[in-house]
Amino acid sequence: TVEHTILKNVIVQRAKDFYQNDENCPIAWEPSGF
């Protein structure tokens, strides 16, 4: 929204690092108790 390019680019890269190769999330196990 505020066009903060540095923050945006860091978030994009880290999200890809963390999640891009994830598969078959066990949503049936959700939610935990709280």
PDB file of all heavy atoms in Angstrom:
ATOM      1  N   THR A   1       0.814  -1.206   0.000  1.00  0.00           N
ATOM      2  CA  THR A   1       0.000   0.000   0.000  1.00  0.00           C
ATOM      3  C   THR A   1       0.849   1.258   0.000  1.00  0.00           C
ATOM      4  O   THR A   1       0.566   2.223  -0.728  1.00  0.00           O
ATOM      5  CB  THR A   1      -0.943   0.013   1.216  1.00  0.00           C
ATOM      6  OG1 THR A   1      -1.843  -1.102   1.116  1.00  0.00           O
ATOM      7  CG2 THR A   1      -1.739   1.299   1.295  1.00  0.00           C
ATOM      8  N   VAL A   2       1.896   1.279   0.823  1.00  0.00           N
ATOM      9  CA  VAL A   2       2.718   2.497   0.923  1.00  0.00           C
ATOM     10  C   VAL A   2       3.925   2.444  -0.012  1.00  0.00           C
ATOM     11  O   VAL A   2       4.764   3.343   0.011  1.00  0.00           O
ATOM     12  CB  VAL A   2       3.186   2.738   2.371  1.00  0.00           C
ATOM     13  CG1 VAL A   2       1.996   2.785   3.316  1.00  0.00           C
ATOM     14  CG2 VAL A   2       4.199   1.678   2.827  1.00  0.00           C
ATOM     15  N   GLU A   3       4.017   1.373  -0.806  1.00  0.00           N
ATOM     16  CA  GLU A   3       5.093   1.193  -1.782  1.00  0.00           C
ATOM     17  C   GLU A   3       6.465   1.162  -1.118  1.00  0.00           C
ATOM     18  O   GLU A   3       7.416   1.819  -1.565  1.00  0.00           O
ATOM     19  CB  GLU A   3       5.021   2.287  -2.859  1.00  0.00           C
ATOM     20  CG  GLU A   3       3.719   2.256  -3.640  1.00  0.00           C
ATOM     21  CD  GLU A   3       3.650   3.318  -4.728  1.00  0.00           C
ATOM     22  OE1 GLU A   3       4.509   4.235  -4.723  1.00  0.00           O
ATOM     23  OE2 GLU A   3       2.755   3.237  -5.576  1.00  0.00           O
ATOM     24  N   HIS A   4       6.544   0.377  -0.039  1.00  0.00           N
ATOM     25  CA  HIS A   4       7.829   0.165   0.629  1.00  0.00           C
ATOM     26  C   HIS A   4       8.496  -1.044  -0.041  1.00  0.00           C
ATOM     27  O   HIS A   4       8.321  -2.190   0.374  1.00  0.00           O
ATOM     28  CB  HIS A   4       7.624  -0.089   2.117  1.00  0.00           C
ATOM     29  CG  HIS A   4       8.865   0.065   2.941  1.00  0.00           C
ATOM     30  ND1 HIS A   4      10.007  -0.688   2.725  1.00  0.00           N
ATOM     31  CD2 HIS A   4       9.168   0.892   3.991  1.00  0.00           C
ATOM     32  CE1 HIS A   4      10.930  -0.346   3.604  1.00  0.00           C
ATOM     33  NE2 HIS A   4      10.444   0.614   4.368  1.00  0.00           N
ATOM     34  N   THR A   5       9.257  -0.790  -1.079  1.00  0.00           N
ATOM     35  CA  THR A   5       9.788  -1.844  -1.938  1.00  0.00           C
ATOM     36  C   THR A   5      10.718  -2.797  -1.196  1.00  0.00           C
ATOM     37  O   THR A   5      10.675  -4.019  -1.412  1.00  0.00           O
ATOM     38  CB  THR A   5      10.532  -1.228  -3.138  1.00  0.00           C
ATOM     39  OG1 THR A   5       9.641  -0.351  -3.834  1.00  0.00           O
ATOM     40  CG2 THR A   5      11.017  -2.314  -4.094  1.00  0.00           C
ATOM     41  N   ILE A   6      11.554  -2.274  -0.317  1.00  0.00           N
ATOM     42  CA  ILE A   6      12.516  -3.134   0.383  1.00  0.00           C
ATOM     43  C   ILE A   6      11.782  -4.136   1.263  1.00  0.00           C
ATOM     44  O   ILE A   6      12.074  -5.338   1.219  1.00  0.00           O
ATOM     45  CB  ILE A   6      13.484  -2.272   1.219  1.00  0.00           C
ATOM     46  CG1 ILE A   6      14.323  -1.380   0.319  1.00  0.00           C
ATOM     47  CG2 ILE A   6      14.384  -3.165   2.079  1.00  0.00           C
ATOM     48  CD1 ILE A   6      15.233  -0.419   1.067  1.00  0.00           C
ATOM     49  N   LEU A   7      10.834  -3.670   2.066  1.00  0.00           N
ATOM     50  CA  LEU A   7      10.084  -4.580   2.930  1.00  0.00           C
ATOM     51  C   LEU A   7       9.307  -5.585   2.094  1.00  0.00           C
ATOM     52  O   LEU A   7       9.298  -6.784   2.406  1.00  0.00           O
ATOM     53  CB  LEU A   7       9.135  -3.784   3.821  1.00  0.00           C
ATOM     54  CG  LEU A   7       8.240  -4.617   4.753  1.00  0.00           C
ATOM     55  CD1 LEU A   7       9.064  -5.459   5.721  1.00  0.00           C
ATOM     56  CD2 LEU A   7       7.264  -3.717   5.511  1.00  0.00           C
ATOM     57  N   LYS A   8       8.675  -5.126   1.042  1.00  0.00           N
ATOM     58  CA  LYS A   8       7.893  -6.019   0.179  1.00  0.00           C
ATOM     59  C   LYS A   8       8.766  -7.124  -0.404  1.00  0.00           C
ATOM     60  O   LYS A   8       8.398  -8.306  -0.390  1.00  0.00           O
ATOM     61  CB  LYS A   8       7.229  -5.216  -0.937  1.00  0.00           C
ATOM     62  CG  LYS A   8       6.373  -6.051  -1.881  1.00  0.00           C
ATOM     63  CD  LYS A   8       5.769  -5.167  -2.964  1.00  0.00           C
ATOM     64  CE  LYS A   8       5.017  -6.000  -3.991  1.00  0.00           C
ATOM     65  NZ  LYS A   8       4.446  -5.145  -5.077  1.00  0.00           N
ATOM     66  N   ASN A   9       9.921  -6.774  -0.899  1.00  0.00           N
ATOM     67  CA  ASN A   9      10.805  -7.761  -1.528  1.00  0.00           C
ATOM     68  C   ASN A   9      11.315  -8.787  -0.520  1.00  0.00           C
ATOM     69  O   ASN A   9      11.437  -9.979  -0.839  1.00  0.00           O
ATOM     70  CB  ASN A   9      11.976  -7.059  -2.209  1.00  0.00           C
ATOM     71  CG  ASN A   9      11.560  -6.299  -3.450  1.00  0.00           C
ATOM     72  OD1 ASN A   9      10.469  -6.511  -3.988  1.00  0.00           O
ATOM     73  ND2 ASN A   9      12.412  -5.401  -3.913  1.00  0.00           N
ATOM     74  N   VAL A  10      11.631  -8.337   0.683  1.00  0.00           N
ATOM     75  CA  VAL A  10      12.089  -9.263   1.717  1.00  0.00           C
ATOM     76  C   VAL A  10      10.989 -10.254   2.059  1.00  0.00           C
ATOM     77  O   VAL A  10      11.233 -11.459   2.202  1.00  0.00           O
ATOM     78  CB  VAL A  10      12.545  -8.491   2.971  1.00  0.00           C
ATOM     79  CG1 VAL A  10      12.758  -9.450   4.140  1.00  0.00           C
ATOM     80  CG2 VAL A  10      13.830  -7.722   2.687  1.00  0.00           C
ATOM     81  N   ILE A  11       9.767  -9.769   2.185  1.00  0.00           N
ATOM     82  CA  ILE A  11       8.647 -10.651   2.528  1.00  0.00           C
ATOM     83  C   ILE A  11       8.403 -11.661   1.417  1.00  0.00           C
ATOM     84  O   ILE A  11       8.195 -12.858   1.686  1.00  0.00           O
ATOM     85  CB  ILE A  11       7.382  -9.827   2.806  1.00  0.00           C
ATOM     86  CG1 ILE A  11       7.554  -9.020   4.088  1.00  0.00           C
ATOM     87  CG2 ILE A  11       6.154 -10.724   2.912  1.00  0.00           C
ATOM     88  CD1 ILE A  11       6.463  -8.002   4.340  1.00  0.00           C
ATOM     89  N   VAL A  12       8.426 -11.219   0.176  1.00  0.00           N
ATOM     90  CA  VAL A  12       8.214 -12.137  -0.947  1.00  0.00           C
ATOM     91  C   VAL A  12       9.264 -13.240  -0.938  1.00  0.00           C
ATOM     92  O   VAL A  12       8.946 -14.432  -1.073  1.00  0.00           O
ATOM     93  CB  VAL A  12       8.252 -11.369  -2.286  1.00  0.00           C
ATOM     94  CG1 VAL A  12       8.306 -12.346  -3.464  1.00  0.00           C
ATOM     95  CG2 VAL A  12       7.032 -10.458  -2.410  1.00  0.00           C
ATOM     96  N   GLN A  13      10.512 -12.883  -0.745  1.00  0.00           N
ATOM     97  CA  GLN A  13      11.579 -13.881  -0.761  1.00  0.00           C
ATOM     98  C   GLN A  13      11.459 -14.861   0.395  1.00  0.00           C
ATOM     99  O   GLN A  13      11.597 -16.076   0.228  1.00  0.00           O
ATOM    100  CB  GLN A  13      12.943 -13.205  -0.723  1.00  0.00           C
ATOM    101  CG  GLN A  13      14.103 -14.174  -0.858  1.00  0.00           C
ATOM    102  CD  GLN A  13      14.037 -15.002  -2.123  1.00  0.00           C
ATOM    103  OE1 GLN A  13      13.962 -14.454  -3.228  1.00  0.00           O
ATOM    104  NE2 GLN A  13      14.020 -16.333  -1.983  1.00  0.00           N
ATOM    105  N   ARG A  14      11.190 -14.344   1.590  1.00  0.00           N
ATOM    106  CA  ARG A  14      11.110 -15.232   2.748  1.00  0.00           C
ATOM    107  C   ARG A  14       9.877 -16.125   2.686  1.00  0.00           C
ATOM    108  O   ARG A  14       9.929 -17.297   3.083  1.00  0.00           O
ATOM    109  CB  ARG A  14      11.097 -14.419   4.043  1.00  0.00           C
ATOM    110  CG  ARG A  14      12.340 -13.605   4.277  1.00  0.00           C
ATOM    111  CD  ARG A  14      13.610 -14.437   4.133  1.00  0.00           C
ATOM    112  NE  ARG A  14      13.844 -15.257   5.295  1.00  0.00           N
ATOM    113  CZ  ARG A  14      14.374 -16.479   5.281  1.00  0.00           C
ATOM    114  NH1 ARG A  14      14.706 -17.032   4.128  1.00  0.00           N
ATOM    115  NH2 ARG A  14      14.589 -17.149   6.393  1.00  0.00           N
ATOM    116  N   ALA A  15       8.773 -15.626   2.164  1.00  0.00           N
ATOM    117  CA  ALA A  15       7.584 -16.467   2.009  1.00  0.00           C
ATOM    118  C   ALA A  15       7.863 -17.612   1.040  1.00  0.00           C
ATOM    119  O   ALA A  15       7.449 -18.754   1.270  1.00  0.00           O
ATOM    120  CB  ALA A  15       6.406 -15.624   1.523  1.00  0.00           C
ATOM    121  N   LYS A  16       8.561 -17.330  -0.033  1.00  0.00           N
ATOM    122  CA  LYS A  16       8.934 -18.397  -0.972  1.00  0.00           C
ATOM    123  C   LYS A  16       9.877 -19.390  -0.315  1.00  0.00           C
ATOM    124  O   LYS A  16       9.729 -20.613  -0.481  1.00  0.00           O
ATOM    125  CB  LYS A  16       9.579 -17.796  -2.221  1.00  0.00           C
ATOM    126  CG  LYS A  16       8.604 -17.046  -3.119  1.00  0.00           C
ATOM    127  CD  LYS A  16       9.318 -16.473  -4.341  1.00  0.00           C
ATOM    128  CE  LYS A  16       8.337 -15.747  -5.269  1.00  0.00           C
ATOM    129  NZ  LYS A  16       9.027 -15.176  -6.450  1.00  0.00           N
ATOM    130  N   ASP A  17      10.851 -18.888   0.431  1.00  0.00           N
ATOM    131  CA  ASP A  17      11.780 -19.769   1.125  1.00  0.00           C
ATOM    132  C   ASP A  17      11.038 -20.715   2.074  1.00  0.00           C
ATOM    133  O   ASP A  17      11.347 -21.903   2.163  1.00  0.00           O
ATOM    134  CB  ASP A  17      12.794 -18.948   1.938  1.00  0.00           C
ATOM    135  CG  ASP A  17      13.724 -18.125   1.075  1.00  0.00           C
ATOM    136  OD1 ASP A  17      13.870 -18.433  -0.117  1.00  0.00           O
ATOM    137  OD2 ASP A  17      14.298 -17.155   1.602  1.00  0.00           O
ATOM    138  N   PHE A  18      10.071 -20.163   2.795  1.00  0.00           N
ATOM    139  CA  PHE A  18       9.376 -20.926   3.821  1.00  0.00           C
ATOM    140  C   PHE A  18       8.348 -21.907   3.258  1.00  0.00           C
ATOM    141  O   PHE A  18       8.187 -23.014   3.772  1.00  0.00           O
ATOM    142  CB  PHE A  18       8.658 -19.979   4.790  1.00  0.00           C
ATOM    143  CG  PHE A  18       9.549 -19.112   5.614  1.00  0.00           C
ATOM    144  CD1 PHE A  18       9.132 -17.839   6.000  1.00  0.00           C
ATOM    145  CD2 PHE A  18      10.803 -19.541   6.032  1.00  0.00           C
ATOM    146  CE1 PHE A  18       9.941 -17.024   6.787  1.00  0.00           C
ATOM    147  CE2 PHE A  18      11.626 -18.736   6.815  1.00  0.00           C
ATOM    148  CZ  PHE A  18      11.186 -17.469   7.180  1.00  0.00           C
ATOM    149  N   TYR A  19       7.618 -21.483   2.208  1.00  0.00           N
ATOM    150  CA  TYR A  19       6.372 -22.175   1.881  1.00  0.00           C
ATOM    151  C   TYR A  19       6.242 -22.711   0.455  1.00  0.00           C
ATOM    152  O   TYR A  19       5.338 -23.505   0.189  1.00  0.00           O
ATOM    153  CB  TYR A  19       5.188 -21.231   2.120  1.00  0.00           C
ATOM    154  CG  TYR A  19       5.137 -20.623   3.494  1.00  0.00           C
ATOM    155  CD1 TYR A  19       5.101 -19.229   3.662  1.00  0.00           C
ATOM    156  CD2 TYR A  19       5.114 -21.410   4.637  1.00  0.00           C
ATOM    157  CE1 TYR A  19       5.036 -18.660   4.923  1.00  0.00           C
ATOM    158  CE2 TYR A  19       5.054 -20.843   5.904  1.00  0.00           C
ATOM    159  CZ  TYR A  19       5.016 -19.465   6.034  1.00  0.00           C
ATOM    160  OH  TYR A  19       4.960 -18.900   7.288  1.00  0.00           O
ATOM    161  N   GLN A  20       7.114 -22.322  -0.457  1.00  0.00           N
ATOM    162  CA  GLN A  20       6.860 -22.631  -1.862  1.00  0.00           C
ATOM    163  C   GLN A  20       6.802 -24.130  -2.144  1.00  0.00           C
ATOM    164  O   GLN A  20       6.077 -24.574  -3.040  1.00  0.00           O
ATOM    165  CB  GLN A  20       7.907 -21.983  -2.772  1.00  0.00           C
ATOM    166  CG  GLN A  20       7.557 -22.101  -4.255  1.00  0.00           C
ATOM    167  CD  GLN A  20       7.981 -20.893  -5.050  1.00  0.00           C
ATOM    168  OE1 GLN A  20       8.932 -20.209  -4.681  1.00  0.00           O
ATOM    169  NE2 GLN A  20       7.297 -20.595  -6.130  1.00  0.00           N
ATOM    170  N   ASN A  21       7.514 -24.932  -1.395  1.00  0.00           N
ATOM    171  CA  ASN A  21       7.552 -26.367  -1.661  1.00  0.00           C
ATOM    172  C   ASN A  21       6.621 -27.179  -0.761  1.00  0.00           C
ATOM    173  O   ASN A  21       6.671 -28.408  -0.761  1.00  0.00           O
ATOM    174  CB  ASN A  21       8.989 -26.894  -1.514  1.00  0.00           C
ATOM    175  CG  ASN A  21       9.919 -26.309  -2.567  1.00  0.00           C
ATOM    176  OD1 ASN A  21       9.512 -26.060  -3.694  1.00  0.00           O
ATOM    177  ND2 ASN A  21      11.161 -26.072  -2.196  1.00  0.00           N
ATOM    178  N   ASP A  22       5.780 -26.516  -0.005  1.00  0.00           N
ATOM    179  CA  ASP A  22       4.869 -27.231   0.897  1.00  0.00           C
ATOM    180  C   ASP A  22       3.754 -27.927   0.126  1.00  0.00           C
ATOM    181  O   ASP A  22       3.262 -27.420  -0.888  1.00  0.00           O
ATOM    182  CB  ASP A  22       4.250 -26.256   1.900  1.00  0.00           C
ATOM    183  CG  ASP A  22       5.236 -25.809   2.963  1.00  0.00           C
ATOM    184  OD1 ASP A  22       6.326 -26.397   3.038  1.00  0.00           O
ATOM    185  OD2 ASP A  22       4.903 -24.873   3.712  1.00  0.00           O
ATOM    186  N   GLU A  23       3.335 -29.082   0.629  1.00  0.00           N
ATOM    187  CA  GLU A  23       2.270 -29.869   0.008  1.00  0.00           C
ATOM    188  C   GLU A  23       1.385 -30.479   1.091  1.00  0.00           C
ATOM    189  O   GLU A  23       1.819 -30.701   2.223  1.00  0.00           O
ATOM    190  CB  GLU A  23       2.857 -31.008  -0.835  1.00  0.00           C
ATOM    191  CG  GLU A  23       3.737 -30.566  -1.994  1.00  0.00           C
ATOM    192  CD  GLU A  23       4.304 -31.757  -2.757  1.00  0.00           C
ATOM    193  OE1 GLU A  23       3.968 -32.909  -2.401  1.00  0.00           O
ATOM    194  OE2 GLU A  23       5.082 -31.525  -3.693  1.00  0.00           O
ATOM    195  N   ASN A  24       0.141 -30.737   0.701  1.00  0.00           N
ATOM    196  CA  ASN A  24      -0.786 -31.528   1.514  1.00  0.00           C
ATOM    197  C   ASN A  24      -0.860 -31.057   2.970  1.00  0.00           C
ATOM    198  O   ASN A  24      -0.597 -31.813   3.904  1.00  0.00           O
ATOM    199  CB  ASN A  24      -0.397 -33.008   1.460  1.00  0.00           C
ATOM    200  CG  ASN A  24      -0.517 -33.565   0.053  1.00  0.00           C
ATOM    201  OD1 ASN A  24      -1.474 -33.284  -0.659  1.00  0.00           O
ATOM    202  ND2 ASN A  24       0.470 -34.351  -0.354  1.00  0.00           N
ATOM    203  N   CYS A  25      -1.239 -29.814   3.159  1.00  0.00           N
ATOM    204  CA  CYS A  25      -1.381 -29.299   4.519  1.00  0.00           C
ATOM    205  C   CYS A  25      -2.528 -30.023   5.231  1.00  0.00           C
ATOM    206  O   CYS A  25      -3.632 -30.130   4.682  1.00  0.00           O
ATOM    207  CB  CYS A  25      -1.667 -27.800   4.475  1.00  0.00           C
ATOM    208  SG  CYS A  25      -1.538 -27.001   6.080  1.00  0.00           S
ATOM    209  N   PRO A  26      -2.313 -30.529   6.428  1.00  0.00           N
ATOM    210  CA  PRO A  26      -3.332 -31.345   7.123  1.00  0.00           C
ATOM    211  C   PRO A  26      -4.402 -30.481   7.787  1.00  0.00           C
ATOM    212  O   PRO A  26      -4.515 -30.424   9.011  1.00  0.00           O
ATOM    213  CB  PRO A  26      -2.501 -32.111   8.149  1.00  0.00           C
ATOM    214  CG  PRO A  26      -1.356 -31.210   8.461  1.00  0.00           C
ATOM    215  CD  PRO A  26      -1.039 -30.502   7.168  1.00  0.00           C
ATOM    216  N   ILE A  27      -5.219 -29.804   6.997  1.00  0.00           N
ATOM    217  CA  ILE A  27      -6.221 -28.910   7.554  1.00  0.00           C
ATOM    218  C   ILE A  27      -7.266 -29.660   8.374  1.00  0.00           C
ATOM    219  O   ILE A  27      -7.903 -29.093   9.261  1.00  0.00           O
ATOM    220  CB  ILE A  27      -6.898 -28.083   6.432  1.00  0.00           C
ATOM    221  CG1 ILE A  27      -7.649 -26.895   7.035  1.00  0.00           C
ATOM    222  CG2 ILE A  27      -7.790 -28.951   5.556  1.00  0.00           C
ATOM    223  CD1 ILE A  27      -8.108 -25.880   6.004  1.00  0.00           C
ATOM    224  N   ALA A  28      -7.424 -30.960   8.119  1.00  0.00           N
ATOM    225  CA  ALA A  28      -8.365 -31.769   8.902  1.00  0.00           C
ATOM    226  C   ALA A  28      -7.929 -31.874  10.353  1.00  0.00           C
ATOM    227  O   ALA A  28      -8.749 -32.203  11.221  1.00  0.00           O
ATOM    228  CB  ALA A  28      -8.511 -33.160   8.294  1.00  0.00           C
ATOM    229  N   TRP A  29      -6.665 -31.631  10.641  1.00  0.00           N
ATOM    230  CA  TRP A  29      -6.178 -31.677  12.020  1.00  0.00           C
ATOM    231  C   TRP A  29      -6.457 -30.370  12.761  1.00  0.00           C
ATOM    232  O   TRP A  29      -6.215 -30.283  13.961  1.00  0.00           O
ATOM    233  CB  TRP A  29      -4.675 -31.942  12.029  1.00  0.00           C
ATOM    234  CG  TRP A  29      -4.309 -33.318  11.569  1.00  0.00           C
ATOM    235  CD1 TRP A  29      -5.151 -34.328  11.212  1.00  0.00           C
ATOM    236  CD2 TRP A  29      -2.984 -33.826  11.413  1.00  0.00           C
ATOM    237  NE1 TRP A  29      -4.445 -35.435  10.830  1.00  0.00           N
ATOM    238  CE2 TRP A  29      -3.104 -35.157  10.951  1.00  0.00           C
ATOM    239  CE3 TRP A  29      -1.716 -33.301  11.609  1.00  0.00           C
ATOM    240  CZ2 TRP A  29      -1.995 -35.966  10.697  1.00  0.00           C
ATOM    241  CZ3 TRP A  29      -0.610 -34.104  11.353  1.00  0.00           C
ATOM    242  CH2 TRP A  29      -0.746 -35.414  10.904  1.00  0.00           C
ATOM    243  N   GLU A  30      -6.909 -29.362  12.070  1.00  0.00           N
ATOM    244  CA  GLU A  30      -7.193 -28.076  12.699  1.00  0.00           C
ATOM    245  C   GLU A  30      -8.653 -28.036  13.166  1.00  0.00           C
ATOM    246  O   GLU A  30      -9.505 -28.704  12.574  1.00  0.00           O
ATOM    247  CB  GLU A  30      -6.956 -26.939  11.703  1.00  0.00           C
ATOM    248  CG  GLU A  30      -5.522 -26.836  11.205  1.00  0.00           C
ATOM    249  CD  GLU A  30      -5.347 -25.667  10.239  1.00  0.00           C
ATOM    250  OE1 GLU A  30      -6.243 -24.794  10.174  1.00  0.00           O
ATOM    251  OE2 GLU A  30      -4.331 -25.636   9.533  1.00  0.00           O
ATOM    252  N   PRO A  31      -8.966 -27.205  14.158  1.00  0.00           N
ATOM    253  CA  PRO A  31      -8.037 -26.391  14.928  1.00  0.00           C
ATOM    254  C   PRO A  31      -7.528 -27.121  16.159  1.00  0.00           C
ATOM    255  O   PRO A  31      -8.128 -28.109  16.604  1.00  0.00           O
ATOM    256  CB  PRO A  31      -8.917 -25.214  15.359  1.00  0.00           C
ATOM    257  CG  PRO A  31     -10.270 -25.833  15.557  1.00  0.00           C
ATOM    258  CD  PRO A  31     -10.367 -26.917  14.518  1.00  0.00           C
ATOM    259  N   SER A  32      -6.425 -26.628  16.707  1.00  0.00           N
ATOM    260  CA  SER A  32      -5.997 -27.062  18.028  1.00  0.00           C
ATOM    261  C   SER A  32      -6.908 -26.405  19.068  1.00  0.00           C
ATOM    262  O   SER A  32      -7.732 -25.549  18.739  1.00  0.00           O
ATOM    263  CB  SER A  32      -4.536 -26.686  18.273  1.00  0.00           C
ATOM    264  OG  SER A  32      -3.685 -27.415  17.402  1.00  0.00           O
ATOM    265  N   GLY A  33      -6.729 -26.749  20.327  1.00  0.00           N
ATOM    266  CA  GLY A  33      -7.690 -26.409  21.363  1.00  0.00           C
ATOM    267  C   GLY A  33      -7.977 -24.946  21.566  1.00  0.00           C
ATOM    268  O   GLY A  33      -9.087 -24.576  21.947  1.00  0.00           O
ATOM    269  N   PHE A  34      -6.980 -24.062  21.318  1.00  0.00           N
ATOM    270  CA  PHE A  34      -7.261 -22.629  21.438  1.00  0.00           C
ATOM    271  C   PHE A  34      -6.590 -21.833  20.325  1.00  0.00           C
ATOM    272  O   PHE A  34      -6.070 -20.749  20.534  1.00  0.00           O
ATOM    273  CB  PHE A  34      -6.890 -22.082  22.825  1.00  0.00           C
ATOM    274  CG  PHE A  34      -5.615 -22.601  23.412  1.00  0.00           C
ATOM    275  CD1 PHE A  34      -4.392 -22.140  22.980  1.00  0.00           C
ATOM    276  CD2 PHE A  34      -5.647 -23.545  24.427  1.00  0.00           C
ATOM    277  CE1 PHE A  34      -3.212 -22.613  23.536  1.00  0.00           C
ATOM    278  CE2 PHE A  34      -4.477 -24.022  24.992  1.00  0.00           C
ATOM    279  CZ  PHE A  34      -3.250 -23.546  24.545  1.00  0.00           C
TER     280      PHE A  34
END
